[in-house]
mmCIF file of all heavy atoms, coordinates in Angstrom:
data_MODEL
# 
_entry.id   MODEL 
# 
loop_
_atom_site.group_PDB 
_atom_site.id 
_atom_site.type_symbol 
_atom_site.label_atom_id 
_atom_site.label_alt_id 
_atom_site.label_comp_id 
_atom_site.label_asym_id 
_atom_site.label_entity_id 
_atom_site.label_seq_id 
_atom_site.pdbx_PDB_ins_code 
_atom_site.Cartn_x 
_atom_site.Cartn_y 
_atom_site.Cartn_z 
_atom_site.occupancy 
_atom_site.B_iso_or_equiv 
_atom_site.pdbx_formal_charge 
_atom_site.auth_seq_id 
_atom_site.auth_comp_id 
_atom_site.auth_asym_id 
_atom_site.auth_atom_id 
_atom_site.pdbx_PDB_model_num 
ATOM 1   N N   . TYR A 1 1  ? -2.925  -38.614 -50.894 1.00 0.00 ? 1  TYR A N   1 
ATOM 2   C CA  . TYR A 1 1  ? -2.664  -38.411 -49.479 1.00 0.00 ? 1  TYR A CA  1 
ATOM 3   C C   . TYR A 1 1  ? -1.396  -39.156 -48.998 1.00 0.00 ? 1  TYR A C   1 
ATOM 4   O O   . TYR A 1 1  ? -0.707  -38.678 -48.115 1.00 0.00 ? 1  TYR A O   1 
ATOM 5   C CB  . TYR A 1 1  ? -3.873  -38.904 -48.635 1.00 0.00 ? 1  TYR A CB  1 
ATOM 6   C CG  . TYR A 1 1  ? -3.762  -38.480 -47.218 1.00 0.00 ? 1  TYR A CG  1 
ATOM 7   C CD1 . TYR A 1 1  ? -3.915  -37.120 -46.878 1.00 0.00 ? 1  TYR A CD1 1 
ATOM 8   C CD2 . TYR A 1 1  ? -3.518  -39.407 -46.210 1.00 0.00 ? 1  TYR A CD2 1 
ATOM 9   C CE1 . TYR A 1 1  ? -3.825  -36.712 -45.576 1.00 0.00 ? 1  TYR A CE1 1 
ATOM 10  C CE2 . TYR A 1 1  ? -3.416  -38.989 -44.900 1.00 0.00 ? 1  TYR A CE2 1 
ATOM 11  C CZ  . TYR A 1 1  ? -3.579  -37.644 -44.569 1.00 0.00 ? 1  TYR A CZ  1 
ATOM 12  O OH  . TYR A 1 1  ? -3.461  -37.250 -43.291 1.00 0.00 ? 1  TYR A OH  1 
ATOM 13  N N   . SER A 1 2  ? -1.117  -40.319 -49.585 1.00 0.00 ? 2  SER A N   1 
ATOM 14  C CA  . SER A 1 2  ? 0.039   -41.096 -49.121 1.00 0.00 ? 2  SER A CA  1 
ATOM 15  C C   . SER A 1 2  ? 1.386   -40.559 -49.590 1.00 0.00 ? 2  SER A C   1 
ATOM 16  O O   . SER A 1 2  ? 2.413   -40.927 -49.069 1.00 0.00 ? 2  SER A O   1 
ATOM 17  C CB  . SER A 1 2  ? -0.103  -42.559 -49.592 1.00 0.00 ? 2  SER A CB  1 
ATOM 18  O OG  . SER A 1 2  ? -0.096  -42.591 -51.002 1.00 0.00 ? 2  SER A OG  1 
ATOM 19  N N   . CYS A 1 3  ? 1.358   -39.648 -50.559 1.00 0.00 ? 3  CYS A N   1 
ATOM 20  C CA  . CYS A 1 3  ? 2.647   -39.230 -51.116 1.00 0.00 ? 3  CYS A CA  1 
ATOM 21  C C   . CYS A 1 3  ? 2.893   -37.714 -51.045 1.00 0.00 ? 3  CYS A C   1 
ATOM 22  O O   . CYS A 1 3  ? 3.984   -37.257 -51.360 1.00 0.00 ? 3  CYS A O   1 
ATOM 23  C CB  . CYS A 1 3  ? 2.780   -39.672 -52.572 1.00 0.00 ? 3  CYS A CB  1 
ATOM 24  S SG  . CYS A 1 3  ? 1.465   -39.038 -53.648 1.00 0.00 ? 3  CYS A SG  1 
ATOM 25  N N   . VAL A 1 4  ? 1.913   -36.911 -50.623 1.00 0.00 ? 4  VAL A N   1 
ATOM 26  C CA  . VAL A 1 4  ? 2.113   -35.469 -50.575 1.00 0.00 ? 4  VAL A CA  1 
ATOM 27  C C   . VAL A 1 4  ? 1.886   -34.983 -49.186 1.00 0.00 ? 4  VAL A C   1 
ATOM 28  O O   . VAL A 1 4  ? 0.930   -35.339 -48.530 1.00 0.00 ? 4  VAL A O   1 
ATOM 29  C CB  . VAL A 1 4  ? 1.128   -34.746 -51.535 1.00 0.00 ? 4  VAL A CB  1 
ATOM 30  C CG1 . VAL A 1 4  ? 1.379   -33.239 -51.459 1.00 0.00 ? 4  VAL A CG1 1 
ATOM 31  C CG2 . VAL A 1 4  ? 1.283   -35.242 -52.933 1.00 0.00 ? 4  VAL A CG2 1 
ATOM 32  N N   . LYS A 1 5  ? 2.814   -34.180 -48.672 1.00 0.00 ? 5  LYS A N   1 
ATOM 33  C CA  . LYS A 1 5  ? 2.681   -33.624 -47.325 1.00 0.00 ? 5  LYS A CA  1 
ATOM 34  C C   . LYS A 1 5  ? 2.695   -32.111 -47.385 1.00 0.00 ? 5  LYS A C   1 
ATOM 35  O O   . LYS A 1 5  ? 3.292   -31.507 -48.250 1.00 0.00 ? 5  LYS A O   1 
ATOM 36  C CB  . LYS A 1 5  ? 3.813   -34.100 -46.451 1.00 0.00 ? 5  LYS A CB  1 
ATOM 37  C CG  . LYS A 1 5  ? 3.815   -35.620 -46.200 1.00 0.00 ? 5  LYS A CG  1 
ATOM 38  C CD  . LYS A 1 5  ? 4.931   -36.022 -45.274 1.00 0.00 ? 5  LYS A CD  1 
ATOM 39  C CE  . LYS A 1 5  ? 4.921   -37.530 -45.023 1.00 0.00 ? 5  LYS A CE  1 
ATOM 40  N NZ  . LYS A 1 5  ? 6.014   -37.946 -44.149 1.00 0.00 ? 5  LYS A NZ  1 
ATOM 41  N N   . ASP A 1 6  ? 1.972   -31.503 -46.424 1.00 0.00 ? 6  ASP A N   1 
ATOM 42  C CA  . ASP A 1 6  ? 1.946   -30.040 -46.350 1.00 0.00 ? 6  ASP A CA  1 
ATOM 43  C C   . ASP A 1 6  ? 3.295   -29.534 -45.870 1.00 0.00 ? 6  ASP A C   1 
ATOM 44  O O   . ASP A 1 6  ? 3.981   -30.164 -45.060 1.00 0.00 ? 6  ASP A O   1 
ATOM 45  C CB  . ASP A 1 6  ? 0.872   -29.585 -45.343 1.00 0.00 ? 6  ASP A CB  1 
ATOM 46  C CG  . ASP A 1 6  ? -0.500  -29.923 -45.821 1.00 0.00 ? 6  ASP A CG  1 
ATOM 47  O OD1 . ASP A 1 6  ? -0.697  -29.921 -47.034 1.00 0.00 ? 6  ASP A OD1 1 
ATOM 48  O OD2 . ASP A 1 6  ? -1.366  -30.217 -44.971 1.00 0.00 ? 6  ASP A OD2 1 
ATOM 49  N N   . LYS A 1 7  ? 3.658   -28.366 -46.340 1.00 0.00 ? 7  LYS A N   1 
ATOM 50  C CA  . LYS A 1 7  ? 4.819   -27.718 -45.821 1.00 0.00 ? 7  LYS A CA  1 
ATOM 51  C C   . LYS A 1 7  ? 4.455   -27.134 -44.448 1.00 0.00 ? 7  LYS A C   1 
ATOM 52  O O   . LYS A 1 7  ? 3.382   -26.571 -44.286 1.00 0.00 ? 7  LYS A O   1 
ATOM 53  C CB  . LYS A 1 7  ? 5.253   -26.579 -46.758 1.00 0.00 ? 7  LYS A CB  1 
ATOM 54  C CG  . LYS A 1 7  ? 5.731   -27.083 -48.111 1.00 0.00 ? 7  LYS A CG  1 
ATOM 55  C CD  . LYS A 1 7  ? 6.136   -25.914 -48.990 1.00 0.00 ? 7  LYS A CD  1 
ATOM 56  C CE  . LYS A 1 7  ? 6.639   -26.376 -50.332 1.00 0.00 ? 7  LYS A CE  1 
ATOM 57  N NZ  . LYS A 1 7  ? 6.996   -25.258 -51.229 1.00 0.00 ? 7  LYS A NZ  1 
ATOM 58  N N   . PRO A 1 8  ? 5.336   -27.263 -43.487 1.00 0.00 ? 8  PRO A N   1 
ATOM 59  C CA  . PRO A 1 8  ? 5.009   -26.704 -42.176 1.00 0.00 ? 8  PRO A CA  1 
ATOM 60  C C   . PRO A 1 8  ? 4.895   -25.187 -42.237 1.00 0.00 ? 8  PRO A C   1 
ATOM 61  O O   . PRO A 1 8  ? 5.625   -24.518 -42.960 1.00 0.00 ? 8  PRO A O   1 
ATOM 62  C CB  . PRO A 1 8  ? 6.191   -27.137 -41.316 1.00 0.00 ? 8  PRO A CB  1 
ATOM 63  C CG  . PRO A 1 8  ? 7.301   -27.339 -42.283 1.00 0.00 ? 8  PRO A CG  1 
ATOM 64  C CD  . PRO A 1 8  ? 6.670   -27.865 -43.518 1.00 0.00 ? 8  PRO A CD  1 
ATOM 65  N N   . GLN A 1 9  ? 3.983   -24.632 -41.466 1.00 0.00 ? 9  GLN A N   1 
ATOM 66  C CA  . GLN A 1 9  ? 3.810   -23.180 -41.444 1.00 0.00 ? 9  GLN A CA  1 
ATOM 67  C C   . GLN A 1 9  ? 3.460   -22.768 -40.019 1.00 0.00 ? 9  GLN A C   1 
ATOM 68  O O   . GLN A 1 9  ? 2.656   -23.402 -39.353 1.00 0.00 ? 9  GLN A O   1 
ATOM 69  C CB  . GLN A 1 9  ? 2.699   -22.732 -42.401 1.00 0.00 ? 9  GLN A CB  1 
ATOM 70  C CG  . GLN A 1 9  ? 2.481   -21.226 -42.374 1.00 0.00 ? 9  GLN A CG  1 
ATOM 71  C CD  . GLN A 1 9  ? 1.551   -20.802 -43.472 1.00 0.00 ? 9  GLN A CD  1 
ATOM 72  O OE1 . GLN A 1 9  ? 1.483   -21.455 -44.505 1.00 0.00 ? 9  GLN A OE1 1 
ATOM 73  N NE2 . GLN A 1 9  ? 0.851   -19.707 -43.272 1.00 0.00 ? 9  GLN A NE2 1 
ATOM 74  N N   . ASP A 1 10 ? 4.084   -21.741 -39.537 1.00 0.00 ? 10 ASP A N   1 
ATOM 75  C CA  . ASP A 1 10 ? 3.818   -21.285 -38.173 1.00 0.00 ? 10 ASP A CA  1 
ATOM 76  C C   . ASP A 1 10 ? 2.391   -20.767 -38.093 1.00 0.00 ? 10 ASP A C   1 
ATOM 77  O O   . ASP A 1 10 ? 1.924   -20.055 -38.980 1.00 0.00 ? 10 ASP A O   1 
ATOM 78  C CB  . ASP A 1 10 ? 4.786   -20.140 -37.779 1.00 0.00 ? 10 ASP A CB  1 
ATOM 79  C CG  . ASP A 1 10 ? 6.203   -20.657 -37.648 1.00 0.00 ? 10 ASP A CG  1 
ATOM 80  O OD1 . ASP A 1 10 ? 6.383   -21.855 -37.370 1.00 0.00 ? 10 ASP A OD1 1 
ATOM 81  O OD2 . ASP A 1 10 ? 7.134   -19.826 -37.820 1.00 0.00 ? 10 ASP A OD2 1 
ATOM 82  N N   . ILE A 1 11 ? 1.725   -21.100 -36.999 1.00 0.00 ? 11 ILE A N   1 
ATOM 83  C CA  . ILE A 1 11 ? 0.358   -20.633 -36.765 1.00 0.00 ? 11 ILE A CA  1 
ATOM 84  C C   . ILE A 1 11 ? 0.427   -19.491 -35.750 1.00 0.00 ? 11 ILE A C   1 
ATOM 85  O O   . ILE A 1 11 ? 0.965   -19.646 -34.654 1.00 0.00 ? 11 ILE A O   1 
ATOM 86  C CB  . ILE A 1 11 ? -0.535  -21.750 -36.247 1.00 0.00 ? 11 ILE A CB  1 
ATOM 87  C CG1 . ILE A 1 11 ? -0.660  -22.832 -37.320 1.00 0.00 ? 11 ILE A CG1 1 
ATOM 88  C CG2 . ILE A 1 11 ? -1.886  -21.240 -35.859 1.00 0.00 ? 11 ILE A CG2 1 
ATOM 89  C CD1 . ILE A 1 11 ? -1.507  -24.003 -36.892 1.00 0.00 ? 11 ILE A CD1 1 
ATOM 90  N N   . LEU A 1 12 ? -0.099  -18.356 -36.098 1.00 0.00 ? 12 LEU A N   1 
ATOM 91  C CA  . LEU A 1 12 ? -0.074  -17.212 -35.223 1.00 0.00 ? 12 LEU A CA  1 
ATOM 92  C C   . LEU A 1 12 ? -1.109  -17.408 -34.120 1.00 0.00 ? 12 LEU A C   1 
ATOM 93  O O   . LEU A 1 12 ? -2.271  -17.695 -34.387 1.00 0.00 ? 12 LEU A O   1 
ATOM 94  C CB  . LEU A 1 12 ? -0.419  -15.924 -36.013 1.00 0.00 ? 12 LEU A CB  1 
ATOM 95  C CG  . LEU A 1 12 ? 0.572   -15.595 -37.122 1.00 0.00 ? 12 LEU A CG  1 
ATOM 96  C CD1 . LEU A 1 12 ? 0.026   -14.490 -37.997 1.00 0.00 ? 12 LEU A CD1 1 
ATOM 97  C CD2 . LEU A 1 12 ? 1.895   -15.169 -36.521 1.00 0.00 ? 12 LEU A CD2 1 
ATOM 98  N N   . LYS A 1 13 ? -0.696  -17.257 -32.890 1.00 0.00 ? 13 LYS A N   1 
ATOM 99  C CA  . LYS A 1 13 ? -1.591  -17.450 -31.769 1.00 0.00 ? 13 LYS A CA  1 
ATOM 100 C C   . LYS A 1 13 ? -1.784  -16.128 -31.032 1.00 0.00 ? 13 LYS A C   1 
ATOM 101 O O   . LYS A 1 13 ? -0.842  -15.405 -30.753 1.00 0.00 ? 13 LYS A O   1 
ATOM 102 C CB  . LYS A 1 13 ? -1.035  -18.506 -30.796 1.00 0.00 ? 13 LYS A CB  1 
ATOM 103 C CG  . LYS A 1 13 ? -1.054  -19.936 -31.366 1.00 0.00 ? 13 LYS A CG  1 
ATOM 104 C CD  . LYS A 1 13 ? -0.556  -20.919 -30.335 1.00 0.00 ? 13 LYS A CD  1 
ATOM 105 C CE  . LYS A 1 13 ? -0.643  -22.325 -30.858 1.00 0.00 ? 13 LYS A CE  1 
ATOM 106 N NZ  . LYS A 1 13 ? -2.002  -22.802 -31.021 1.00 0.00 ? 13 LYS A NZ  1 
ATOM 107 N N   . ASN A 1 14 ? -3.050  -15.854 -30.733 1.00 0.00 ? 14 ASN A N   1 
ATOM 108 C CA  . ASN A 1 14 ? -3.410  -14.714 -29.917 1.00 0.00 ? 14 ASN A CA  1 
ATOM 109 C C   . ASN A 1 14 ? -2.941  -13.369 -30.527 1.00 0.00 ? 14 ASN A C   1 
ATOM 110 O O   . ASN A 1 14 ? -2.690  -12.416 -29.800 1.00 0.00 ? 14 ASN A O   1 
ATOM 111 C CB  . ASN A 1 14 ? -2.831  -14.841 -28.500 1.00 0.00 ? 14 ASN A CB  1 
ATOM 112 C CG  . ASN A 1 14 ? -3.307  -16.117 -27.819 1.00 0.00 ? 14 ASN A CG  1 
ATOM 113 O OD1 . ASN A 1 14 ? -4.472  -16.471 -27.895 1.00 0.00 ? 14 ASN A OD1 1 
ATOM 114 N ND2 . ASN A 1 14 ? -2.380  -16.801 -27.139 1.00 0.00 ? 14 ASN A ND2 1 
ATOM 115 N N   . THR A 1 15 ? -2.820  -13.314 -31.827 1.00 0.00 ? 15 THR A N   1 
ATOM 116 C CA  . THR A 1 15 ? -2.423  -12.080 -32.460 1.00 0.00 ? 15 THR A CA  1 
ATOM 117 C C   . THR A 1 15 ? -3.536  -11.488 -33.300 1.00 0.00 ? 15 THR A C   1 
ATOM 118 O O   . THR A 1 15 ? -3.457  -10.339 -33.703 1.00 0.00 ? 15 THR A O   1 
ATOM 119 C CB  . THR A 1 15 ? -1.199  -12.291 -33.380 1.00 0.00 ? 15 THR A CB  1 
ATOM 120 O OG1 . THR A 1 15 ? -1.532  -13.314 -34.342 1.00 0.00 ? 15 THR A OG1 1 
ATOM 121 C CG2 . THR A 1 15 ? -0.005  -12.770 -32.561 1.00 0.00 ? 15 THR A CG2 1 
ATOM 122 N N   . ILE A 1 16 ? -4.567  -12.270 -33.577 1.00 0.00 ? 16 ILE A N   1 
ATOM 123 C CA  . ILE A 1 16 ? -5.691  -11.795 -34.379 1.00 0.00 ? 16 ILE A CA  1 
ATOM 124 C C   . ILE A 1 16 ? -6.979  -11.977 -33.585 1.00 0.00 ? 16 ILE A C   1 
ATOM 125 O O   . ILE A 1 16 ? -7.235  -13.054 -33.043 1.00 0.00 ? 16 ILE A O   1 
ATOM 126 C CB  . ILE A 1 16 ? -5.822  -12.568 -35.702 1.00 0.00 ? 16 ILE A CB  1 
ATOM 127 C CG1 . ILE A 1 16 ? -4.517  -12.542 -36.474 1.00 0.00 ? 16 ILE A CG1 1 
ATOM 128 C CG2 . ILE A 1 16 ? -6.912  -11.972 -36.564 1.00 0.00 ? 16 ILE A CG2 1 
ATOM 129 C CD1 . ILE A 1 16 ? -4.530  -13.381 -37.741 1.00 0.00 ? 16 ILE A CD1 1 
ATOM 130 N N   . SER A 1 17 ? -7.762  -10.936 -33.503 1.00 0.00 ? 17 SER A N   1 
ATOM 131 C CA  . SER A 1 17 ? -9.047  -11.008 -32.801 1.00 0.00 ? 17 SER A CA  1 
ATOM 132 C C   . SER A 1 17 ? -10.167 -11.228 -33.802 1.00 0.00 ? 17 SER A C   1 
ATOM 133 O O   . SER A 1 17 ? -10.183 -10.666 -34.875 1.00 0.00 ? 17 SER A O   1 
ATOM 134 C CB  . SER A 1 17 ? -9.294  -9.717  -32.032 1.00 0.00 ? 17 SER A CB  1 
ATOM 135 O OG  . SER A 1 17 ? -10.630 -9.649  -31.567 1.00 0.00 ? 17 SER A OG  1 
ATOM 136 N N   . ILE A 1 18 ? -11.143 -12.070 -33.411 1.00 0.00 ? 18 ILE A N   1 
ATOM 137 C CA  . ILE A 1 18 ? -12.296 -12.319 -34.247 1.00 0.00 ? 18 ILE A CA  1 
ATOM 138 C C   . ILE A 1 18 ? -13.102 -11.035 -34.421 1.00 0.00 ? 18 ILE A C   1 
ATOM 139 O O   . ILE A 1 18 ? -13.881 -10.885 -35.341 1.00 0.00 ? 18 ILE A O   1 
ATOM 140 C CB  . ILE A 1 18 ? -13.173 -13.432 -33.635 1.00 0.00 ? 18 ILE A CB  1 
ATOM 141 C CG1 . ILE A 1 18 ? -14.312 -13.841 -34.590 1.00 0.00 ? 18 ILE A CG1 1 
ATOM 142 C CG2 . ILE A 1 18 ? -13.741 -13.014 -32.305 1.00 0.00 ? 18 ILE A CG2 1 
ATOM 143 C CD1 . ILE A 1 18 ? -13.831 -14.584 -35.809 1.00 0.00 ? 18 ILE A CD1 1 
ATOM 144 N N   . ASN A 1 19 ? -12.898 -10.069 -33.518 1.00 0.00 ? 19 ASN A N   1 
ATOM 145 C CA  . ASN A 1 19 ? -13.638 -8.800  -33.562 1.00 0.00 ? 19 ASN A CA  1 
ATOM 146 C C   . ASN A 1 19 ? -12.868 -7.697  -34.256 1.00 0.00 ? 19 ASN A C   1 
ATOM 147 O O   . ASN A 1 19 ? -13.361 -6.576  -34.320 1.00 0.00 ? 19 ASN A O   1 
ATOM 148 C CB  . ASN A 1 19 ? -13.989 -8.362  -32.120 1.00 0.00 ? 19 ASN A CB  1 
ATOM 149 C CG  . ASN A 1 19 ? -14.855 -9.394  -31.408 1.00 0.00 ? 19 ASN A CG  1 
ATOM 150 O OD1 . ASN A 1 19 ? -15.911 -9.743  -31.891 1.00 0.00 ? 19 ASN A OD1 1 
ATOM 151 N ND2 . ASN A 1 19 ? -14.394 -9.868  -30.263 1.00 0.00 ? 19 ASN A ND2 1 
ATOM 152 N N   . SER A 1 20 ? -11.680 -7.971  -34.731 1.00 0.00 ? 20 SER A N   1 
ATOM 153 C CA  . SER A 1 20 ? -10.904 -6.920  -35.390 1.00 0.00 ? 20 SER A CA  1 
ATOM 154 C C   . SER A 1 20 ? -11.516 -6.571  -36.746 1.00 0.00 ? 20 SER A C   1 
ATOM 155 O O   . SER A 1 20 ? -12.162 -7.384  -37.404 1.00 0.00 ? 20 SER A O   1 
ATOM 156 C CB  . SER A 1 20 ? -9.450  -7.391  -35.594 1.00 0.00 ? 20 SER A CB  1 
ATOM 157 O OG  . SER A 1 20 ? -9.419  -8.516  -36.454 1.00 0.00 ? 20 SER A OG  1 
ATOM 158 N N   . ASP A 1 21 ? -11.325 -5.319  -37.121 1.00 0.00 ? 21 ASP A N   1 
ATOM 159 C CA  . ASP A 1 21 ? -11.884 -4.852  -38.398 1.00 0.00 ? 21 ASP A CA  1 
ATOM 160 C C   . ASP A 1 21 ? -11.144 -5.513  -39.560 1.00 0.00 ? 21 ASP A C   1 
ATOM 161 O O   . ASP A 1 21 ? -9.919  -5.651  -39.548 1.00 0.00 ? 21 ASP A O   1 
ATOM 162 C CB  . ASP A 1 21 ? -11.709 -3.327  -38.490 1.00 0.00 ? 21 ASP A CB  1 
ATOM 163 C CG  . ASP A 1 21 ? -12.412 -2.740  -39.701 1.00 0.00 ? 21 ASP A CG  1 
ATOM 164 O OD1 . ASP A 1 21 ? -13.560 -3.149  -39.975 1.00 0.00 ? 21 ASP A OD1 1 
ATOM 165 O OD2 . ASP A 1 21 ? -11.785 -1.938  -40.426 1.00 0.00 ? 21 ASP A OD2 1 
ATOM 166 N N   . GLY A 1 22 ? -11.894 -5.968  -40.538 1.00 0.00 ? 22 GLY A N   1 
ATOM 167 C CA  . GLY A 1 22 ? -11.300 -6.534  -41.734 1.00 0.00 ? 22 GLY A CA  1 
ATOM 168 C C   . GLY A 1 22 ? -11.015 -8.017  -41.669 1.00 0.00 ? 22 GLY A C   1 
ATOM 169 O O   . GLY A 1 22 ? -10.263 -8.552  -42.456 1.00 0.00 ? 22 GLY A O   1 
ATOM 170 N N   . LYS A 1 23 ? -11.603 -8.690  -40.659 1.00 0.00 ? 23 LYS A N   1 
ATOM 171 C CA  . LYS A 1 23 ? -11.358 -10.120 -40.545 1.00 0.00 ? 23 LYS A CA  1 
ATOM 172 C C   . LYS A 1 23 ? -12.165 -10.899 -41.598 1.00 0.00 ? 23 LYS A C   1 
ATOM 173 O O   . LYS A 1 23 ? -13.227 -10.488 -42.011 1.00 0.00 ? 23 LYS A O   1 
ATOM 174 C CB  . LYS A 1 23 ? -11.703 -10.625 -39.138 1.00 0.00 ? 23 LYS A CB  1 
ATOM 175 C CG  . LYS A 1 23 ? -13.172 -10.595 -38.812 1.00 0.00 ? 23 LYS A CG  1 
ATOM 176 C CD  . LYS A 1 23 ? -13.422 -11.100 -37.412 1.00 0.00 ? 23 LYS A CD  1 
ATOM 177 C CE  . LYS A 1 23 ? -14.900 -11.072 -37.057 1.00 0.00 ? 23 LYS A CE  1 
ATOM 178 N NZ  . LYS A 1 23 ? -15.489 -9.732  -37.038 1.00 0.00 ? 23 LYS A NZ  1 
ATOM 179 N N   . VAL A 1 24 ? -11.634 -12.045 -41.988 1.00 0.00 ? 24 VAL A N   1 
ATOM 180 C CA  . VAL A 1 24 ? -12.270 -12.923 -42.972 1.00 0.00 ? 24 VAL A CA  1 
ATOM 181 C C   . VAL A 1 24 ? -12.144 -14.358 -42.453 1.00 0.00 ? 24 VAL A C   1 
ATOM 182 O O   . VAL A 1 24 ? -11.031 -14.811 -42.106 1.00 0.00 ? 24 VAL A O   1 
ATOM 183 C CB  . VAL A 1 24 ? -11.607 -12.828 -44.362 1.00 0.00 ? 24 VAL A CB  1 
ATOM 184 C CG1 . VAL A 1 24 ? -12.279 -13.778 -45.343 1.00 0.00 ? 24 VAL A CG1 1 
ATOM 185 C CG2 . VAL A 1 24 ? -11.666 -11.381 -44.875 1.00 0.00 ? 24 VAL A CG2 1 
ATOM 186 N N   . LEU A 1 25 ? -13.236 -15.075 -42.424 1.00 0.00 ? 25 LEU A N   1 
ATOM 187 C CA  . LEU A 1 25 ? -13.215 -16.483 -42.083 1.00 0.00 ? 25 LEU A CA  1 
ATOM 188 C C   . LEU A 1 25 ? -13.157 -17.281 -43.367 1.00 0.00 ? 25 LEU A C   1 
ATOM 189 O O   . LEU A 1 25 ? -13.895 -17.041 -44.290 1.00 0.00 ? 25 LEU A O   1 
ATOM 190 C CB  . LEU A 1 25 ? -14.467 -16.877 -41.277 1.00 0.00 ? 25 LEU A CB  1 
ATOM 191 C CG  . LEU A 1 25 ? -14.639 -16.246 -39.885 1.00 0.00 ? 25 LEU A CG  1 
ATOM 192 C CD1 . LEU A 1 25 ? -15.921 -16.745 -39.260 1.00 0.00 ? 25 LEU A CD1 1 
ATOM 193 C CD2 . LEU A 1 25 ? -13.449 -16.557 -38.981 1.00 0.00 ? 25 LEU A CD2 1 
ATOM 194 N N   . VAL A 1 26 ? -12.246 -18.254 -43.400 1.00 0.00 ? 26 VAL A N   1 
ATOM 195 C CA  . VAL A 1 26 ? -12.115 -19.167 -44.541 1.00 0.00 ? 26 VAL A CA  1 
ATOM 196 C C   . VAL A 1 26 ? -12.607 -20.536 -44.134 1.00 0.00 ? 26 VAL A C   1 
ATOM 197 O O   . VAL A 1 26 ? -12.134 -21.098 -43.141 1.00 0.00 ? 26 VAL A O   1 
ATOM 198 C CB  . VAL A 1 26 ? -10.666 -19.255 -45.031 1.00 0.00 ? 26 VAL A CB  1 
ATOM 199 C CG1 . VAL A 1 26 ? -10.574 -20.084 -46.291 1.00 0.00 ? 26 VAL A CG1 1 
ATOM 200 C CG2 . VAL A 1 26 ? -10.077 -17.851 -45.267 1.00 0.00 ? 26 VAL A CG2 1 
ATOM 201 N N   . ILE A 1 27 ? -13.552 -21.081 -44.882 1.00 0.00 ? 27 ILE A N   1 
ATOM 202 C CA  . ILE A 1 27 ? -14.125 -22.387 -44.574 1.00 0.00 ? 27 ILE A CA  1 
ATOM 203 C C   . ILE A 1 27 ? -13.311 -23.475 -45.296 1.00 0.00 ? 27 ILE A C   1 
ATOM 204 O O   . ILE A 1 27 ? -13.203 -23.449 -46.538 1.00 0.00 ? 27 ILE A O   1 
ATOM 205 C CB  . ILE A 1 27 ? -15.602 -22.461 -45.016 1.00 0.00 ? 27 ILE A CB  1 
ATOM 206 C CG1 . ILE A 1 27 ? -16.363 -21.228 -44.511 1.00 0.00 ? 27 ILE A CG1 1 
ATOM 207 C CG2 . ILE A 1 27 ? -16.232 -23.758 -44.540 1.00 0.00 ? 27 ILE A CG2 1 
ATOM 208 C CD1 . ILE A 1 27 ? -16.254 -21.023 -43.032 1.00 0.00 ? 27 ILE A CD1 1 
ATOM 209 N N   . ASN A 1 28 ? -12.753 -24.395 -44.523 1.00 0.00 ? 28 ASN A N   1 
ATOM 210 C CA  . ASN A 1 28 ? -11.896 -25.446 -45.062 1.00 0.00 ? 28 ASN A CA  1 
ATOM 211 C C   . ASN A 1 28 ? -12.532 -26.834 -44.837 1.00 0.00 ? 28 ASN A C   1 
ATOM 212 O O   . ASN A 1 28 ? -12.720 -27.220 -43.695 1.00 0.00 ? 28 ASN A O   1 
ATOM 213 C CB  . ASN A 1 28 ? -10.543 -25.416 -44.402 1.00 0.00 ? 28 ASN A CB  1 
ATOM 214 C CG  . ASN A 1 28 ? -9.906  -24.039 -44.415 1.00 0.00 ? 28 ASN A CG  1 
ATOM 215 O OD1 . ASN A 1 28 ? -9.699  -23.444 -45.456 1.00 0.00 ? 28 ASN A OD1 1 
ATOM 216 N ND2 . ASN A 1 28 ? -9.611  -23.520 -43.225 1.00 0.00 ? 28 ASN A ND2 1 
ATOM 217 N N   . GLU A 1 29 ? -12.864 -27.520 -45.907 1.00 0.00 ? 29 GLU A N   1 
ATOM 218 C CA  . GLU A 1 29 ? -13.501 -28.830 -45.766 1.00 0.00 ? 29 GLU A CA  1 
ATOM 219 C C   . GLU A 1 29 ? -12.620 -29.809 -44.999 1.00 0.00 ? 29 GLU A C   1 
ATOM 220 O O   . GLU A 1 29 ? -13.105 -30.606 -44.197 1.00 0.00 ? 29 GLU A O   1 
ATOM 221 C CB  . GLU A 1 29 ? -13.828 -29.403 -47.135 1.00 0.00 ? 29 GLU A CB  1 
ATOM 222 C CG  . GLU A 1 29 ? -14.912 -28.612 -47.882 1.00 0.00 ? 29 GLU A CG  1 
ATOM 223 C CD  . GLU A 1 29 ? -15.144 -29.154 -49.282 1.00 0.00 ? 29 GLU A CD  1 
ATOM 224 O OE1 . GLU A 1 29 ? -14.624 -30.257 -49.571 1.00 0.00 ? 29 GLU A OE1 1 
ATOM 225 O OE2 . GLU A 1 29 ? -15.821 -28.469 -50.052 1.00 0.00 ? 29 GLU A OE2 1 
# 
């Protein structure tokens, strides 16, 4: 944790609906 950082990535806002067809939820610990 002290030496590795995530690469920044843009987060899409308000472009995907939870009700849209083909959605997948990914569970992240």
